[in-house]
N, C-alpha and C. Protein backbone atom coordinates (compact mmCIF):
# COMPACT_ATOMS: atom_id res chain seq x y z
N MET A 1 -74.73 83.96 -50.38
CA MET A 1 -75.40 84.48 -50.91
C MET A 1 -76.31 85.31 -49.74
N LEU A 2 -76.73 86.31 -49.69
CA LEU A 2 -77.78 86.52 -48.14
C LEU A 2 -79.14 85.96 -48.99
N SER A 3 -80.37 86.15 -48.02
CA SER A 3 -81.63 85.43 -48.02
C SER A 3 -82.60 86.60 -48.83
N ILE A 4 -83.61 85.95 -49.39
CA ILE A 4 -84.66 86.98 -49.85
C ILE A 4 -85.41 87.14 -48.17
N GLY A 5 -85.82 88.40 -48.40
CA GLY A 5 -86.57 88.80 -47.23
C GLY A 5 -86.11 88.95 -46.02
N ILE A 6 -84.54 89.56 -46.07
CA ILE A 6 -83.54 90.72 -44.97
C ILE A 6 -83.10 91.33 -45.33
N GLN A 7 -83.27 92.51 -44.57
CA GLN A 7 -82.38 94.08 -44.38
C GLN A 7 -81.48 93.88 -45.07
N ALA A 8 -81.10 94.29 -46.30
CA ALA A 8 -79.74 94.27 -46.79
C ALA A 8 -78.99 95.06 -45.91
N PRO A 9 -77.98 94.81 -45.96
CA PRO A 9 -77.00 95.81 -44.95
C PRO A 9 -76.22 96.93 -45.59
N ASP A 10 -76.20 97.80 -44.46
CA ASP A 10 -76.37 98.99 -45.19
C ASP A 10 -74.66 99.30 -45.27
N PHE A 11 -74.00 100.14 -46.39
CA PHE A 11 -72.78 100.22 -46.60
C PHE A 11 -72.69 102.30 -46.78
N THR A 12 -71.10 102.47 -47.02
CA THR A 12 -71.18 103.85 -47.55
C THR A 12 -69.86 103.67 -48.25
N LEU A 13 -69.86 103.49 -49.85
CA LEU A 13 -68.77 103.80 -50.93
C LEU A 13 -68.25 105.06 -51.69
N PRO A 14 -67.33 104.91 -51.62
CA PRO A 14 -67.07 106.25 -52.94
C PRO A 14 -67.64 105.24 -54.41
N ASP A 15 -68.59 106.10 -55.34
CA ASP A 15 -68.26 105.86 -56.67
C ASP A 15 -67.44 106.48 -57.61
N GLN A 16 -67.35 106.54 -58.82
CA GLN A 16 -66.23 106.41 -59.83
C GLN A 16 -65.65 108.08 -59.41
N ASN A 17 -66.69 109.01 -59.34
CA ASN A 17 -66.08 110.40 -58.83
C ASN A 17 -65.47 110.55 -57.56
N GLY A 18 -65.34 109.49 -56.71
CA GLY A 18 -65.22 109.94 -54.85
C GLY A 18 -66.18 109.91 -54.25
N GLN A 19 -67.38 110.61 -54.80
CA GLN A 19 -68.83 110.50 -53.91
C GLN A 19 -68.97 109.24 -53.07
N LEU A 20 -69.16 109.90 -52.00
CA LEU A 20 -69.67 108.19 -51.23
C LEU A 20 -71.70 108.19 -51.70
N HIS A 21 -71.55 107.32 -51.69
CA HIS A 21 -72.72 107.04 -51.11
C HIS A 21 -72.93 105.46 -50.52
N SER A 22 -74.48 105.74 -49.41
CA SER A 22 -75.34 104.75 -48.57
C SER A 22 -76.34 104.50 -49.08
N LEU A 23 -76.30 103.10 -48.75
CA LEU A 23 -77.53 102.48 -49.45
C LEU A 23 -78.60 102.71 -48.61
N SER A 24 -78.73 103.58 -47.28
CA SER A 24 -79.60 104.19 -47.21
C SER A 24 -80.04 105.60 -48.02
N ASP A 25 -79.36 106.26 -48.74
CA ASP A 25 -79.42 107.35 -49.57
C ASP A 25 -80.38 107.17 -50.40
N PHE A 26 -80.92 105.63 -51.15
CA PHE A 26 -82.07 105.09 -52.06
C PHE A 26 -83.48 105.19 -51.52
N ARG A 27 -83.09 105.31 -50.08
CA ARG A 27 -84.81 104.22 -49.45
C ARG A 27 -85.52 105.38 -50.22
N GLY A 28 -87.07 103.89 -50.56
CA GLY A 28 -87.56 104.74 -51.34
C GLY A 28 -87.70 104.29 -52.60
N GLN A 29 -86.45 103.87 -53.01
CA GLN A 29 -86.78 103.47 -54.66
C GLN A 29 -86.00 101.84 -54.52
N LYS A 30 -86.19 101.44 -55.72
CA LYS A 30 -85.51 99.90 -55.76
C LYS A 30 -84.44 100.26 -55.91
N VAL A 31 -83.52 99.38 -55.78
CA VAL A 31 -82.14 99.26 -55.42
C VAL A 31 -81.12 98.18 -56.39
N ILE A 32 -80.85 97.97 -57.64
CA ILE A 32 -80.53 97.11 -58.28
C ILE A 32 -78.50 96.68 -57.53
N LEU A 33 -78.24 95.91 -56.94
CA LEU A 33 -77.10 96.01 -56.64
C LEU A 33 -76.19 95.22 -56.92
N TYR A 34 -75.36 94.55 -58.03
CA TYR A 34 -74.88 93.50 -58.89
C TYR A 34 -73.09 94.14 -58.59
N PHE A 35 -72.53 92.79 -58.09
CA PHE A 35 -71.42 92.55 -57.54
C PHE A 35 -70.60 92.10 -59.15
N TYR A 36 -69.67 92.56 -58.95
CA TYR A 36 -68.77 92.20 -60.58
C TYR A 36 -67.11 91.94 -60.36
N PRO A 37 -66.95 90.76 -61.25
CA PRO A 37 -65.22 90.43 -60.63
C PRO A 37 -64.41 92.13 -60.70
N LYS A 38 -64.40 92.47 -62.20
CA LYS A 38 -63.29 93.32 -62.55
C LYS A 38 -63.36 94.18 -63.79
N ASP A 39 -63.75 96.03 -63.42
CA ASP A 39 -63.36 96.93 -64.89
C ASP A 39 -62.53 95.74 -65.86
N ASN A 40 -63.61 96.45 -66.97
CA ASN A 40 -62.63 96.27 -68.02
C ASN A 40 -62.75 94.46 -68.72
N THR A 41 -63.64 93.94 -68.28
CA THR A 41 -63.07 92.57 -68.44
C THR A 41 -64.24 92.09 -69.27
N ALA A 42 -64.03 91.73 -70.33
CA ALA A 42 -65.37 90.63 -71.04
C ALA A 42 -66.30 90.66 -70.76
N GLY A 43 -66.45 89.85 -69.69
CA GLY A 43 -67.91 89.65 -68.80
C GLY A 43 -68.24 90.83 -68.53
N CYS A 44 -67.47 91.56 -67.43
CA CYS A 44 -68.42 92.44 -67.10
C CYS A 44 -67.99 94.03 -67.79
N THR A 45 -67.53 94.03 -69.19
CA THR A 45 -68.00 95.30 -69.84
C THR A 45 -69.30 94.66 -70.28
N LYS A 46 -69.73 93.32 -70.61
CA LYS A 46 -70.71 92.97 -71.16
C LYS A 46 -72.12 93.35 -70.69
N GLN A 47 -71.81 93.36 -68.91
CA GLN A 47 -73.31 93.22 -68.19
C GLN A 47 -73.00 94.74 -67.72
N ALA A 48 -71.98 95.35 -67.68
CA ALA A 48 -72.66 96.91 -67.08
C ALA A 48 -72.86 97.70 -68.47
N CYS A 49 -72.39 97.30 -69.70
CA CYS A 49 -72.77 98.37 -70.72
C CYS A 49 -74.44 97.83 -71.18
N ALA A 50 -74.70 96.54 -70.61
CA ALA A 50 -76.43 96.43 -71.05
C ALA A 50 -77.31 97.35 -70.00
N PHE A 51 -76.82 96.85 -68.28
CA PHE A 51 -76.69 97.75 -67.58
C PHE A 51 -77.39 99.11 -68.28
N GLY A 52 -75.90 99.42 -68.71
CA GLY A 52 -76.32 101.02 -68.99
C GLY A 52 -77.38 101.34 -70.27
N GLU A 53 -78.15 100.44 -71.23
CA GLU A 53 -78.71 100.37 -72.20
C GLU A 53 -79.60 100.34 -71.72
N LEU A 54 -80.30 99.66 -70.98
CA LEU A 54 -81.22 99.24 -70.32
C LEU A 54 -81.69 100.43 -69.13
N TYR A 55 -80.38 101.31 -69.00
CA TYR A 55 -80.93 101.99 -67.58
C TYR A 55 -82.14 103.26 -67.69
N PRO A 56 -82.44 103.96 -68.67
CA PRO A 56 -83.77 104.23 -68.75
C PRO A 56 -84.79 103.65 -68.37
N GLN A 57 -84.96 102.87 -68.68
CA GLN A 57 -86.11 101.37 -68.67
C GLN A 57 -85.97 101.73 -66.78
N PHE A 58 -85.04 101.03 -66.51
CA PHE A 58 -84.76 100.68 -65.08
C PHE A 58 -85.24 102.05 -63.85
N ARG A 59 -84.87 103.50 -64.72
CA ARG A 59 -85.30 104.63 -64.02
C ARG A 59 -86.79 104.71 -64.08
N GLU A 60 -87.58 104.40 -65.08
CA GLU A 60 -89.16 104.60 -65.59
C GLU A 60 -89.40 103.54 -64.10
N LYS A 61 -88.99 102.75 -64.00
CA LYS A 61 -89.37 101.29 -63.09
C LYS A 61 -89.48 101.85 -61.37
N GLY A 62 -88.52 103.23 -61.51
CA GLY A 62 -88.18 103.83 -60.40
C GLY A 62 -87.13 102.51 -58.90
N ALA A 63 -86.08 102.33 -60.30
CA ALA A 63 -85.20 101.53 -59.71
C ALA A 63 -83.81 102.27 -60.30
N VAL A 64 -82.80 102.72 -59.26
CA VAL A 64 -81.56 102.91 -59.70
C VAL A 64 -80.79 101.36 -59.76
N VAL A 65 -79.30 101.70 -59.97
CA VAL A 65 -78.14 100.54 -60.73
C VAL A 65 -76.93 100.89 -59.74
N LEU A 66 -76.71 100.21 -58.75
CA LEU A 66 -75.26 99.87 -58.78
C LEU A 66 -74.19 99.02 -58.62
N GLY A 67 -73.50 99.25 -59.06
CA GLY A 67 -72.39 98.73 -59.59
C GLY A 67 -71.39 98.34 -58.40
N VAL A 68 -70.67 97.45 -57.90
CA VAL A 68 -69.60 97.09 -57.18
C VAL A 68 -68.78 96.11 -57.19
N SER A 69 -67.51 96.65 -57.14
CA SER A 69 -66.31 95.69 -57.23
C SER A 69 -65.28 95.90 -56.50
N LYS A 70 -64.20 95.58 -56.46
CA LYS A 70 -62.95 95.75 -55.70
C LYS A 70 -62.42 96.84 -56.32
N ASP A 71 -62.29 97.20 -57.64
CA ASP A 71 -61.77 98.04 -57.99
C ASP A 71 -61.64 99.26 -57.53
N SER A 72 -60.38 100.10 -58.19
CA SER A 72 -59.77 101.84 -57.35
C SER A 72 -60.90 102.40 -58.00
N VAL A 73 -61.14 103.83 -57.60
CA VAL A 73 -62.11 104.68 -58.00
C VAL A 73 -61.57 105.40 -59.55
N ALA A 74 -60.35 105.46 -59.37
CA ALA A 74 -59.72 105.60 -60.66
C ALA A 74 -59.54 104.58 -61.54
N SER A 75 -60.29 103.20 -61.40
CA SER A 75 -60.44 102.33 -62.24
C SER A 75 -61.78 102.69 -62.92
N HIS A 76 -62.89 102.81 -62.07
CA HIS A 76 -63.91 102.39 -62.51
C HIS A 76 -64.38 104.37 -62.94
N LYS A 77 -63.44 104.68 -63.04
CA LYS A 77 -64.09 106.14 -63.69
C LYS A 77 -63.11 105.80 -64.99
N ARG A 78 -62.13 105.49 -64.94
CA ARG A 78 -61.54 104.64 -66.68
C ARG A 78 -62.82 103.93 -67.35
N PHE A 79 -63.27 102.90 -66.80
CA PHE A 79 -64.35 101.89 -66.95
C PHE A 79 -65.48 102.80 -67.53
N GLU A 80 -66.16 104.12 -66.00
CA GLU A 80 -67.33 104.51 -67.00
C GLU A 80 -67.41 105.74 -68.16
N GLU A 81 -66.08 106.17 -67.93
CA GLU A 81 -65.97 106.93 -69.51
C GLU A 81 -65.78 106.21 -70.22
N LYS A 82 -64.65 105.00 -70.66
CA LYS A 82 -64.96 104.26 -72.01
C LYS A 82 -66.09 103.79 -72.50
N TYR A 83 -67.38 103.44 -71.20
CA TYR A 83 -68.02 103.20 -72.15
C TYR A 83 -69.54 103.76 -71.40
N GLY A 84 -69.69 104.91 -71.36
CA GLY A 84 -70.30 106.13 -71.19
C GLY A 84 -71.37 105.42 -70.04
N LEU A 85 -71.61 104.99 -69.33
CA LEU A 85 -71.80 103.96 -67.97
C LEU A 85 -72.87 104.98 -67.51
N PRO A 86 -73.89 105.40 -67.22
CA PRO A 86 -74.99 105.93 -66.99
C PRO A 86 -75.36 105.54 -64.97
N PHE A 87 -74.60 104.85 -64.53
CA PHE A 87 -74.93 104.59 -63.00
C PHE A 87 -73.57 104.67 -62.63
N ASN A 88 -73.71 104.62 -61.07
CA ASN A 88 -72.64 105.03 -60.14
C ASN A 88 -72.32 103.01 -60.21
N LEU A 89 -70.56 103.39 -60.08
CA LEU A 89 -70.12 101.85 -60.12
C LEU A 89 -69.32 102.54 -58.67
N LEU A 90 -69.22 101.34 -57.42
CA LEU A 90 -69.02 101.93 -56.67
C LEU A 90 -67.88 100.60 -55.76
N SER A 91 -66.34 101.61 -55.17
CA SER A 91 -65.43 101.23 -54.70
C SER A 91 -65.40 100.29 -53.64
N ASP A 92 -65.15 99.11 -53.45
CA ASP A 92 -64.47 97.91 -52.09
C ASP A 92 -63.05 97.92 -52.09
N THR A 93 -62.80 98.60 -52.35
CA THR A 93 -61.26 98.02 -51.89
C THR A 93 -60.71 97.43 -50.70
N GLU A 94 -61.42 97.25 -49.53
CA GLU A 94 -61.15 96.51 -48.42
C GLU A 94 -62.39 95.38 -48.84
N LYS A 95 -63.19 95.02 -49.37
CA LYS A 95 -63.47 94.26 -49.52
C LYS A 95 -64.75 93.93 -48.62
N GLU A 96 -65.15 95.02 -47.96
CA GLU A 96 -66.04 94.73 -46.63
C GLU A 96 -67.23 94.89 -47.11
N VAL A 97 -67.92 95.90 -48.47
CA VAL A 97 -69.54 95.37 -48.88
C VAL A 97 -69.51 94.00 -49.11
N ILE A 98 -68.36 93.21 -49.93
CA ILE A 98 -68.46 92.04 -50.61
C ILE A 98 -68.52 90.85 -49.78
N GLN A 99 -68.16 91.06 -48.89
CA GLN A 99 -68.16 90.15 -47.87
C GLN A 99 -69.16 90.22 -47.36
N ALA A 100 -69.75 91.67 -46.60
CA ALA A 100 -70.61 91.22 -46.30
C ALA A 100 -72.14 90.71 -46.92
N TYR A 101 -72.24 90.77 -48.12
CA TYR A 101 -72.69 90.65 -49.08
C TYR A 101 -72.43 88.84 -49.42
N ASP A 102 -71.92 88.31 -48.72
CA ASP A 102 -71.25 87.62 -48.77
C ASP A 102 -71.28 86.92 -50.51
N VAL A 103 -70.42 87.50 -50.91
CA VAL A 103 -70.42 87.03 -52.67
C VAL A 103 -68.23 87.12 -53.20
N TRP A 104 -67.50 86.86 -51.70
CA TRP A 104 -65.98 86.68 -52.00
C TRP A 104 -66.48 85.20 -51.72
N LYS A 105 -65.92 84.56 -52.89
CA LYS A 105 -65.82 82.56 -52.34
C LYS A 105 -64.86 82.11 -53.04
N GLU A 106 -64.64 81.14 -53.00
CA GLU A 106 -63.67 80.05 -53.59
C GLU A 106 -63.86 80.30 -55.27
N LYS A 107 -63.24 80.26 -56.14
CA LYS A 107 -63.57 80.07 -57.58
C LYS A 107 -62.53 79.46 -58.34
N LYS A 108 -62.84 78.62 -59.21
CA LYS A 108 -62.22 77.28 -59.93
C LYS A 108 -61.94 78.01 -61.69
N LEU A 109 -60.87 78.17 -62.38
CA LEU A 109 -60.65 78.88 -63.55
C LEU A 109 -59.93 77.48 -63.76
N TYR A 110 -60.26 77.70 -65.00
CA TYR A 110 -59.03 76.26 -65.41
C TYR A 110 -58.51 74.88 -64.51
N GLY A 111 -58.90 74.92 -63.64
CA GLY A 111 -58.33 73.98 -62.76
C GLY A 111 -57.71 74.70 -61.18
N LYS A 112 -57.88 76.02 -61.18
CA LYS A 112 -56.87 76.49 -60.72
C LYS A 112 -58.10 77.39 -59.80
N VAL A 113 -57.73 77.16 -58.48
CA VAL A 113 -58.46 77.46 -57.40
C VAL A 113 -58.26 79.03 -56.22
N SER A 114 -59.28 79.92 -56.63
CA SER A 114 -58.20 81.05 -55.66
C SER A 114 -59.75 82.31 -55.08
N MET A 115 -59.63 82.84 -54.57
CA MET A 115 -60.53 83.86 -53.94
C MET A 115 -60.98 84.82 -54.75
N GLY A 116 -62.51 85.26 -54.98
CA GLY A 116 -62.72 86.09 -55.87
C GLY A 116 -64.24 86.53 -55.67
N VAL A 117 -64.93 87.54 -56.59
CA VAL A 117 -65.91 88.33 -56.38
C VAL A 117 -66.75 87.04 -57.29
N VAL A 118 -68.09 86.39 -56.57
CA VAL A 118 -68.84 85.92 -58.04
C VAL A 118 -69.82 86.52 -58.36
N ARG A 119 -69.79 86.44 -59.56
CA ARG A 119 -71.07 87.70 -59.69
C ARG A 119 -72.45 87.44 -59.17
N THR A 120 -73.22 88.34 -58.62
CA THR A 120 -73.77 88.38 -57.82
C THR A 120 -74.77 89.60 -57.83
N THR A 121 -76.49 89.16 -58.42
CA THR A 121 -77.21 90.86 -58.28
C THR A 121 -78.31 90.21 -57.43
N TYR A 122 -78.68 91.41 -56.53
CA TYR A 122 -79.50 91.78 -55.55
C TYR A 122 -80.61 92.46 -56.37
N LEU A 123 -82.19 92.26 -55.79
CA LEU A 123 -82.84 93.22 -56.36
C LEU A 123 -83.33 94.00 -54.52
N ILE A 124 -83.25 95.08 -54.12
CA ILE A 124 -83.64 95.49 -52.97
C ILE A 124 -84.41 96.36 -53.27
N GLY A 125 -85.75 95.95 -52.27
CA GLY A 125 -86.73 96.82 -52.50
C GLY A 125 -86.89 98.61 -51.85
N GLU A 126 -88.26 99.29 -51.65
CA GLU A 126 -87.82 100.75 -51.55
C GLU A 126 -87.89 100.83 -49.76
N ASN A 127 -87.92 99.45 -49.13
CA ASN A 127 -87.89 99.61 -47.75
C ASN A 127 -86.42 98.81 -47.66
N GLY A 128 -85.53 98.58 -48.24
CA GLY A 128 -84.19 98.41 -47.40
C GLY A 128 -84.25 97.06 -47.41
N ILE A 129 -85.14 95.73 -47.78
CA ILE A 129 -85.69 94.41 -47.56
C ILE A 129 -84.76 94.28 -49.38
N ILE A 130 -84.45 92.50 -48.60
CA ILE A 130 -83.58 91.95 -50.10
C ILE A 130 -84.86 91.35 -50.67
N VAL A 131 -85.34 91.39 -51.99
CA VAL A 131 -86.07 91.25 -52.56
C VAL A 131 -86.23 89.76 -53.38
N LYS A 132 -85.08 89.71 -54.21
CA LYS A 132 -84.84 88.73 -55.11
C LYS A 132 -83.05 88.58 -54.85
N ALA A 133 -82.14 87.68 -55.53
CA ALA A 133 -81.40 87.63 -54.99
C ALA A 133 -80.64 86.50 -56.25
N PHE A 134 -79.53 86.69 -56.96
CA PHE A 134 -79.45 85.33 -57.77
C PHE A 134 -77.98 85.61 -58.00
N ASP A 135 -77.05 84.45 -57.99
CA ASP A 135 -75.98 83.97 -58.03
C ASP A 135 -75.37 83.40 -59.18
N LYS A 136 -74.10 84.09 -59.43
CA LYS A 136 -73.32 82.60 -60.56
C LYS A 136 -74.14 83.19 -61.87
N VAL A 137 -74.78 84.67 -61.93
CA VAL A 137 -75.32 84.82 -62.86
C VAL A 137 -75.02 85.20 -64.44
N LYS A 138 -75.38 84.92 -65.27
CA LYS A 138 -74.61 85.12 -66.81
C LYS A 138 -74.15 86.77 -67.17
N ALA A 139 -73.70 87.20 -67.60
CA ALA A 139 -73.13 88.85 -67.61
C ALA A 139 -73.89 89.12 -68.54
N ALA A 140 -74.02 88.64 -69.57
CA ALA A 140 -74.74 89.17 -70.86
C ALA A 140 -76.47 89.28 -70.07
N ASP A 141 -76.78 88.29 -70.04
CA ASP A 141 -78.24 88.30 -69.65
C ASP A 141 -79.43 88.82 -68.62
N ASN A 142 -77.97 89.34 -67.49
CA ASN A 142 -78.20 89.18 -66.32
C ASN A 142 -79.35 90.51 -66.00
N PRO A 143 -78.99 91.92 -66.82
CA PRO A 143 -79.25 93.40 -66.78
C PRO A 143 -80.96 92.78 -67.62
N ALA A 144 -81.31 92.38 -68.53
CA ALA A 144 -82.56 92.23 -68.86
C ALA A 144 -83.19 91.02 -67.56
N GLN A 145 -82.66 89.97 -67.07
CA GLN A 145 -83.22 89.30 -66.23
C GLN A 145 -83.83 90.45 -65.06
N MET A 146 -82.37 91.33 -64.45
CA MET A 146 -83.57 92.30 -63.32
C MET A 146 -84.50 92.77 -64.05
N LEU A 147 -84.60 93.62 -65.21
CA LEU A 147 -85.78 94.72 -65.45
C LEU A 147 -86.88 93.50 -65.13
N GLY A 148 -87.07 92.44 -65.63
CA GLY A 148 -87.96 91.30 -66.16
C GLY A 148 -88.29 91.12 -64.26
N ALA A 149 -87.37 91.29 -63.72
CA ALA A 149 -87.83 91.21 -61.76
C ALA A 149 -88.58 92.05 -61.16
N LEU A 150 -88.32 93.42 -62.10
CA LEU A 150 -88.76 94.59 -61.25
C LEU A 150 -90.48 94.33 -61.97
N GLU A 151 -91.24 93.67 -62.32
CA GLU A 151 -92.42 93.79 -62.87
C GLU A 151 -93.42 93.72 -62.01
């Protein structure tokens, strides 16, 4: 996980519509940048839907929400449409941004060890500096936790 107080690594990734977005595009706004393992899985769906429900409140507080996983643009599009998600899902199939933000880690599930995305959320300030960082977050609770972090 990256440290609080450092410049967040800039990136350019395609969203669910294939449109490119850079972190620097959002200068002047707070950014909730959350990394999740996989579209259409139970935890990731809970987290995305909760971010979707709270999205108007994030916007009121001057924040945008960006979800990042290694799923394809097409997978993100299906996920967005199925759940009516109002924010951008960014596709990092090469894991460049996932690795830059130090969220590609060894994970254990039922005794089996594999590499994967550890659910992690960053709050990046208007100036591009990491203000808060949460790793191993609980999917269902993370959106409300991040809304509270904007206070």
